[in-house]
C-alpha atoms as a PDB file:
ATOM      1  CA  MET A   1     140.436  -2.451 191.024  1.00  0.00           C
ATOM      2  CA  ASN A   2     141.091   1.155 191.875  1.00  0.00           C
ATOM      3  CA  VAL A   3     139.742   3.519 189.214  1.00  0.00           C
ATOM      4  CA  ASP A   4     140.678   7.176 189.654  1.00  0.00           C
ATOM      5  CA  ASP A   5     139.090  10.357 188.334  1.00  0.00           C
ATOM      6  CA  SER A   6     141.791  10.960 185.731  1.00  0.00           C
ATOM      7  CA  GLN A   7     141.108   7.563 184.133  1.00  0.00           C
ATOM      8  CA  LEU A   8     137.390   8.274 183.941  1.00  0.00           C
ATOM      9  CA  THR A   9     138.021  11.765 182.542  1.00  0.00           C
ATOM     10  CA  ASP A  10     140.326  10.323 179.877  1.00  0.00           C
ATOM     11  CA  LEU A  11     137.707   7.750 178.841  1.00  0.00           C
ATOM     12  CA  ALA A  12     135.016  10.446 178.666  1.00  0.00           C
ATOM     13  CA  ALA A  13     137.265  12.716 176.573  1.00  0.00           C
ATOM     14  CA  ARG A  14     137.977   9.887 174.126  1.00  0.00           C
ATOM     15  CA  LEU A  15     134.259   9.137 173.947  1.00  0.00           C
ATOM     16  CA  GLY A  16     133.538  12.777 173.139  1.00  0.00           C
ATOM     17  CA  GLU A  17     136.129  12.864 170.359  1.00  0.00           C
ATOM     18  CA  ARG A  18     134.574   9.820 168.698  1.00  0.00           C
ATOM     19  CA  LEU A  19     131.027  11.092 169.076  1.00  0.00           C
ATOM     20  CA  LEU A  20     131.991  14.467 167.613  1.00  0.00           C
ATOM     21  CA  ALA A  21     133.656  12.760 164.667  1.00  0.00           C
ATOM     22  CA  GLN A  22     130.403  10.878 164.003  1.00  0.00           C
ATOM     23  CA  GLY A  23     128.133  13.828 164.728  1.00  0.00           C
ATOM     24  CA  ALA A  24     126.303  11.623 167.217  1.00  0.00           C
ATOM     25  CA  GLN A  25     124.992  11.983 170.774  1.00  0.00           C
ATOM     26  CA  VAL A  26     124.875   9.716 173.806  1.00  0.00           C
ATOM     27  CA  SER A  27     122.534   9.457 176.773  1.00  0.00           C
ATOM     28  CA  THR A  28     122.863   7.616 180.068  1.00  0.00           C
ATOM     29  CA  ALA A  29     120.347   5.774 182.235  1.00  0.00           C
ATOM     30  CA  GLU A  30     121.780   5.132 185.680  1.00  0.00           C
ATOM     31  CA  SER A  31     120.733   3.455 188.859  1.00  0.00           C
ATOM     32  CA  CYS A  32     123.606   2.186 191.042  1.00  0.00           C
ATOM     33  CA  THR A  33     126.028   4.877 189.805  1.00  0.00           C
ATOM     34  CA  GLY A  34     123.650   7.701 190.714  1.00  0.00           C
ATOM     35  CA  GLY A  35     124.696   9.864 187.782  1.00  0.00           C
ATOM     36  CA  GLY A  36     128.400   9.044 187.893  1.00  0.00           C
ATOM     37  CA  ILE A  37     128.619   8.277 184.175  1.00  0.00           C
ATOM     38  CA  ALA A  38     126.962  11.580 183.285  1.00  0.00           C
ATOM     39  CA  GLU A  39     129.232  13.365 185.759  1.00  0.00           C
ATOM     40  CA  ALA A  40     132.354  11.911 184.141  1.00  0.00           C
ATOM     41  CA  ILE A  41     131.084  12.905 180.699  1.00  0.00           C
ATOM     42  CA  THR A  42     130.208  16.463 181.699  1.00  0.00           C
ATOM     43  CA  ARG A  43     133.706  17.062 183.073  1.00  0.00           C
ATOM     44  CA  ILE A  44     134.660  17.492 179.435  1.00  0.00           C
ATOM     45  CA  ALA A  45     134.365  21.055 178.162  1.00  0.00           C
ATOM     46  CA  GLY A  46     132.033  21.161 175.185  1.00  0.00           C
ATOM     47  CA  SER A  47     130.289  17.902 176.089  1.00  0.00           C
ATOM     48  CA  SER A  48     126.950  19.582 175.371  1.00  0.00           C
ATOM     49  CA  ALA A  49     127.729  18.962 171.683  1.00  0.00           C
ATOM     50  CA  TRP A  50     127.571  15.199 172.169  1.00  0.00           C
ATOM     51  CA  PHE A  51     125.933  14.439 175.538  1.00  0.00           C
ATOM     52  CA  GLU A  52     122.170  14.592 175.149  1.00  0.00           C
ATOM     53  CA  ALA A  53     120.697  13.569 178.534  1.00  0.00           C
ATOM     54  CA  GLY A  54     121.264  11.664 181.736  1.00  0.00           C
ATOM     55  CA  PHE A  55     118.524   9.811 183.584  1.00  0.00           C
ATOM     56  CA  VAL A  56     119.106   8.858 187.212  1.00  0.00           C
ATOM     57  CA  THR A  57     116.326   6.395 187.907  1.00  0.00           C
ATOM     58  CA  TYR A  58     117.191   4.946 191.260  1.00  0.00           C
ATOM     59  CA  SER A  59     113.728   3.658 192.126  1.00  0.00           C
ATOM     60  CA  ASN A  60     111.835   1.068 190.130  1.00  0.00           C
ATOM     61  CA  THR A  61     108.944   3.518 189.882  1.00  0.00           C
ATOM     62  CA  GLN A  62     111.155   6.024 188.072  1.00  0.00           C
ATOM     63  CA  LYS A  63     112.636   3.354 185.810  1.00  0.00           C
ATOM     64  CA  THR A  64     109.069   2.725 184.657  1.00  0.00           C
ATOM     65  CA  ARG A  65     107.874   6.341 184.672  1.00  0.00           C
ATOM     66  CA  GLN A  66     110.881   7.975 182.965  1.00  0.00           C
ATOM     67  CA  LEU A  67     112.235   5.144 180.821  1.00  0.00           C
ATOM     68  CA  GLY A  68     109.260   2.879 180.190  1.00  0.00           C
ATOM     69  CA  VAL A  69     110.688  -0.213 181.881  1.00  0.00           C
ATOM     70  CA  PRO A  70     107.772  -2.659 182.194  1.00  0.00           C
ATOM     71  CA  GLU A  71     106.710  -2.971 185.846  1.00  0.00           C
ATOM     72  CA  ALA A  72     106.376  -6.736 185.468  1.00  0.00           C
ATOM     73  CA  TYR A  73     110.164  -7.045 185.071  1.00  0.00           C
ATOM     74  CA  PHE A  74     110.782  -6.097 188.690  1.00  0.00           C
ATOM     75  CA  ALA A  75     108.731  -8.996 190.000  1.00  0.00           C
ATOM     76  CA  SER A  76     109.921 -11.518 187.427  1.00  0.00           C
ATOM     77  CA  VAL A  77     113.668 -10.817 187.045  1.00  0.00           C
ATOM     78  CA  GLY A  78     114.437  -7.921 189.398  1.00  0.00           C
ATOM     79  CA  ALA A  79     115.912  -4.479 188.845  1.00  0.00           C
ATOM     80  CA  VAL A  80     119.441  -5.876 188.471  1.00  0.00           C
ATOM     81  CA  SER A  81     118.873  -7.827 185.257  1.00  0.00           C
ATOM     82  CA  ARG A  82     119.505  -7.932 181.531  1.00  0.00           C
ATOM     83  CA  GLU A  83     115.862  -7.188 180.779  1.00  0.00           C
ATOM     84  CA  VAL A  84     115.790  -4.046 182.916  1.00  0.00           C
ATOM     85  CA  VAL A  85     119.044  -2.493 181.660  1.00  0.00           C
ATOM     86  CA  GLU A  86     118.138  -3.200 178.044  1.00  0.00           C
ATOM     87  CA  ALA A  87     114.747  -1.535 178.597  1.00  0.00           C
ATOM     88  CA  MET A  88     116.524   1.376 180.304  1.00  0.00           C
ATOM     89  CA  VAL A  89     118.793   1.844 177.265  1.00  0.00           C
ATOM     90  CA  GLN A  90     115.820   1.739 174.922  1.00  0.00           C
ATOM     91  CA  GLY A  91     113.962   4.261 177.074  1.00  0.00           C
ATOM     92  CA  ALA A  92     116.947   6.621 177.284  1.00  0.00           C
ATOM     93  CA  GLN A  93     117.297   6.563 173.516  1.00  0.00           C
ATOM     94  CA  ALA A  94     113.575   7.099 172.969  1.00  0.00           C
ATOM     95  CA  GLN A  95     113.283   9.927 175.502  1.00  0.00           C
ATOM     96  CA  SER A  96     116.439  11.762 174.411  1.00  0.00           C
ATOM     97  CA  GLY A  97     116.697  11.019 170.707  1.00  0.00           C
ATOM     98  CA  ALA A  98     120.362  10.050 171.131  1.00  0.00           C
ATOM     99  CA  ARG A  99     121.732   7.345 168.844  1.00  0.00           C
ATOM    100  CA  TYR A 100     123.860   5.815 171.606  1.00  0.00           C
ATOM    101  CA  ALA A 101     123.051   5.063 175.236  1.00  0.00           C
ATOM    102  CA  THR A 102     124.300   3.102 178.196  1.00  0.00           C
ATOM    103  CA  ALA A 103     122.379   1.896 181.238  1.00  0.00           C
ATOM    104  CA  VAL A 104     123.471   0.416 184.548  1.00  0.00           C
ATOM    105  CA  SER A 105     121.751  -1.303 187.458  1.00  0.00           C
ATOM    106  CA  GLY A 106     123.542  -3.117 190.234  1.00  0.00           C
ATOM    107  CA  VAL A 107     124.169  -3.904 193.858  1.00  0.00           C
ATOM    108  CA  ALA A 108     126.865  -1.451 194.994  1.00  0.00           C
ATOM    109  CA  GLY A 109     126.678  -2.448 198.652  1.00  0.00           C
ATOM    110  CA  PRO A 110     127.514  -2.692 201.377  1.00  0.00           C
ATOM    111  CA  GLY A 111     124.108  -4.338 201.825  1.00  0.00           C
ATOM    112  CA  GLY A 112     121.375  -5.427 199.459  1.00  0.00           C
ATOM    113  CA  GLY A 113     123.086  -8.457 197.981  1.00  0.00           C
ATOM    114  CA  SER A 114     121.632 -11.946 197.690  1.00  0.00           C
ATOM    115  CA  THR A 115     122.877 -15.394 196.763  1.00  0.00           C
ATOM    116  CA  ASP A 116     121.937 -14.836 193.111  1.00  0.00           C
ATOM    117  CA  LYS A 117     123.051 -11.209 193.038  1.00  0.00           C
ATOM    118  CA  PRO A 118     125.809 -10.614 195.582  1.00  0.00           C
ATOM    119  CA  VAL A 119     127.219  -7.172 196.321  1.00  0.00           C
ATOM    120  CA  GLY A 120     129.217  -6.047 193.293  1.00  0.00           C
ATOM    121  CA  THR A 121     126.811  -7.554 190.748  1.00  0.00           C
ATOM    122  CA  VAL A 122     126.128  -5.065 187.952  1.00  0.00           C
ATOM    123  CA  TRP A 123     124.270  -5.321 184.668  1.00  0.00           C
ATOM    124  CA  ILE A 124     125.328  -2.869 181.957  1.00  0.00           C
ATOM    125  CA  ALA A 125     123.654  -2.348 178.595  1.00  0.00           C
ATOM    126  CA  TRP A 126     124.646  -0.343 175.561  1.00  0.00           C
ATOM    127  CA  GLY A 127     122.535   0.711 172.615  1.00  0.00           C
ATOM    128  CA  ASP A 128     123.282   1.836 169.075  1.00  0.00           C
ATOM    129  CA  GLY A 129     120.069   2.621 167.255  1.00  0.00           C
ATOM    130  CA  ASP A 130     117.938  -0.536 167.426  1.00  0.00           C
ATOM    131  CA  THR A 131     120.824  -2.779 168.523  1.00  0.00           C
ATOM    132  CA  ARG A 132     121.298  -3.618 172.221  1.00  0.00           C
ATOM    133  CA  TYR A 133     124.115  -5.345 174.050  1.00  0.00           C
ATOM    134  CA  SER A 134     124.255  -6.263 177.723  1.00  0.00           C
ATOM    135  CA  ARG A 135     126.608  -7.882 180.167  1.00  0.00           C
ATOM    136  CA  ARG A 136     126.616  -8.986 183.789  1.00  0.00           C
ATOM    137  CA  LEU A 137     129.775  -8.058 185.693  1.00  0.00           C
ATOM    138  CA  GLN A 138     130.966  -8.863 189.187  1.00  0.00           C
ATOM    139  CA  PHE A 139     133.050  -6.111 190.780  1.00  0.00           C
ATOM    140  CA  SER A 140     134.892  -6.154 194.076  1.00  0.00           C
ATOM    141  CA  GLY A 141     135.640  -3.549 196.698  1.00  0.00           C
ATOM    142  CA  ASP A 142     133.550  -1.110 198.682  1.00  0.00           C
ATOM    143  CA  ARG A 143     130.571   0.882 197.399  1.00  0.00           C
ATOM    144  CA  ASP A 144     132.712   3.597 195.834  1.00  0.00           C
ATOM    145  CA  ALA A 145     134.949   1.039 194.099  1.00  0.00           C
ATOM    146  CA  VAL A 146     131.962  -0.836 192.636  1.00  0.00           C
ATOM    147  CA  ARG A 147     130.440   2.405 191.361  1.00  0.00           C
ATOM    148  CA  ARG A 148     133.712   3.623 189.809  1.00  0.00           C
ATOM    149  CA  GLN A 149     134.346   0.269 188.129  1.00  0.00           C
ATOM    150  CA  THR A 150     130.811   0.425 186.737  1.00  0.00           C
ATOM    151  CA  VAL A 151     131.366   3.916 185.309  1.00  0.00           C
ATOM    152  CA  GLU A 152     134.623   2.759 183.749  1.00  0.00           C
ATOM    153  CA  ALA A 153     133.042  -0.350 182.192  1.00  0.00           C
ATOM    154  CA  ALA A 154     130.106   1.658 180.800  1.00  0.00           C
ATOM    155  CA  LEU A 155     132.425   4.217 179.172  1.00  0.00           C
ATOM    156  CA  GLN A 156     134.754   1.542 177.793  1.00  0.00           C
ATOM    157  CA  GLY A 157     131.777  -0.280 176.293  1.00  0.00           C
ATOM    158  CA  LEU A 158     130.572   2.906 174.615  1.00  0.00           C
ATOM    159  CA  LEU A 159     134.038   3.456 173.153  1.00  0.00           C
ATOM    160  CA  ARG A 160     134.052  -0.078 171.718  1.00  0.00           C
ATOM    161  CA  LEU A 161     130.553   0.413 170.334  1.00  0.00           C
ATOM    162  CA  LEU A 162     131.582   3.597 168.543  1.00  0.00           C
ATOM    163  CA  VAL A 163     134.329   1.777 166.654  1.00  0.00           C
ATOM    164  CA  GLU A 164     131.849  -0.969 165.750  1.00  0.00           C
ATOM    165  CA  GLU A 165     133.181  -3.507 168.213  1.00  0.00           C
ATOM    166  CA  ASN A 166     130.986  -5.581 170.464  1.00  0.00           C
ATOM    167  CA  PRO A 167     130.987  -3.765 173.845  1.00  0.00           C
ATOM    168  CA  VAL A 168     130.380  -7.049 175.659  1.00  0.00           C
ATOM    169  CA  ALA A 169     133.607  -8.596 174.349  1.00  0.00           C
ATOM    170  CA  GLY A 170     135.899  -6.312 176.333  1.00  0.00           C
END
């Protein structure tokens, strides 16, 4: 799927409108997207009113240091897992104070895949207060396509969450 900048900007603008209406903030915790979700959000003028913080924790060390992801997870389930993204969301919320957060970890490629987690495998989590949701997705295309599809899915999930829908259902 080809996701372009205008689609991501539109999703981010809609997210901002809903967050403003609620008087709420969002934070991001990103690995495979390298800050792409935060970049899409900060394209929107005035996003400082509703975007609290972005954490780019590419290494496992930084996932633990900045977001409190338990080190044991990396050996037991790996960085691309439900447990890690849910811990990343929790850490982003705790560190930033934002009500909402999203976190992503995946294999964008072209290398790094395995039988269990082939290139294009991405785990995304969303948080609203103490509630967490997560989903494993399998994207296709090159590195850029996987990253863009991940940004799109993270933003769409946040939009669903803000209207009290399950972000995993979409």
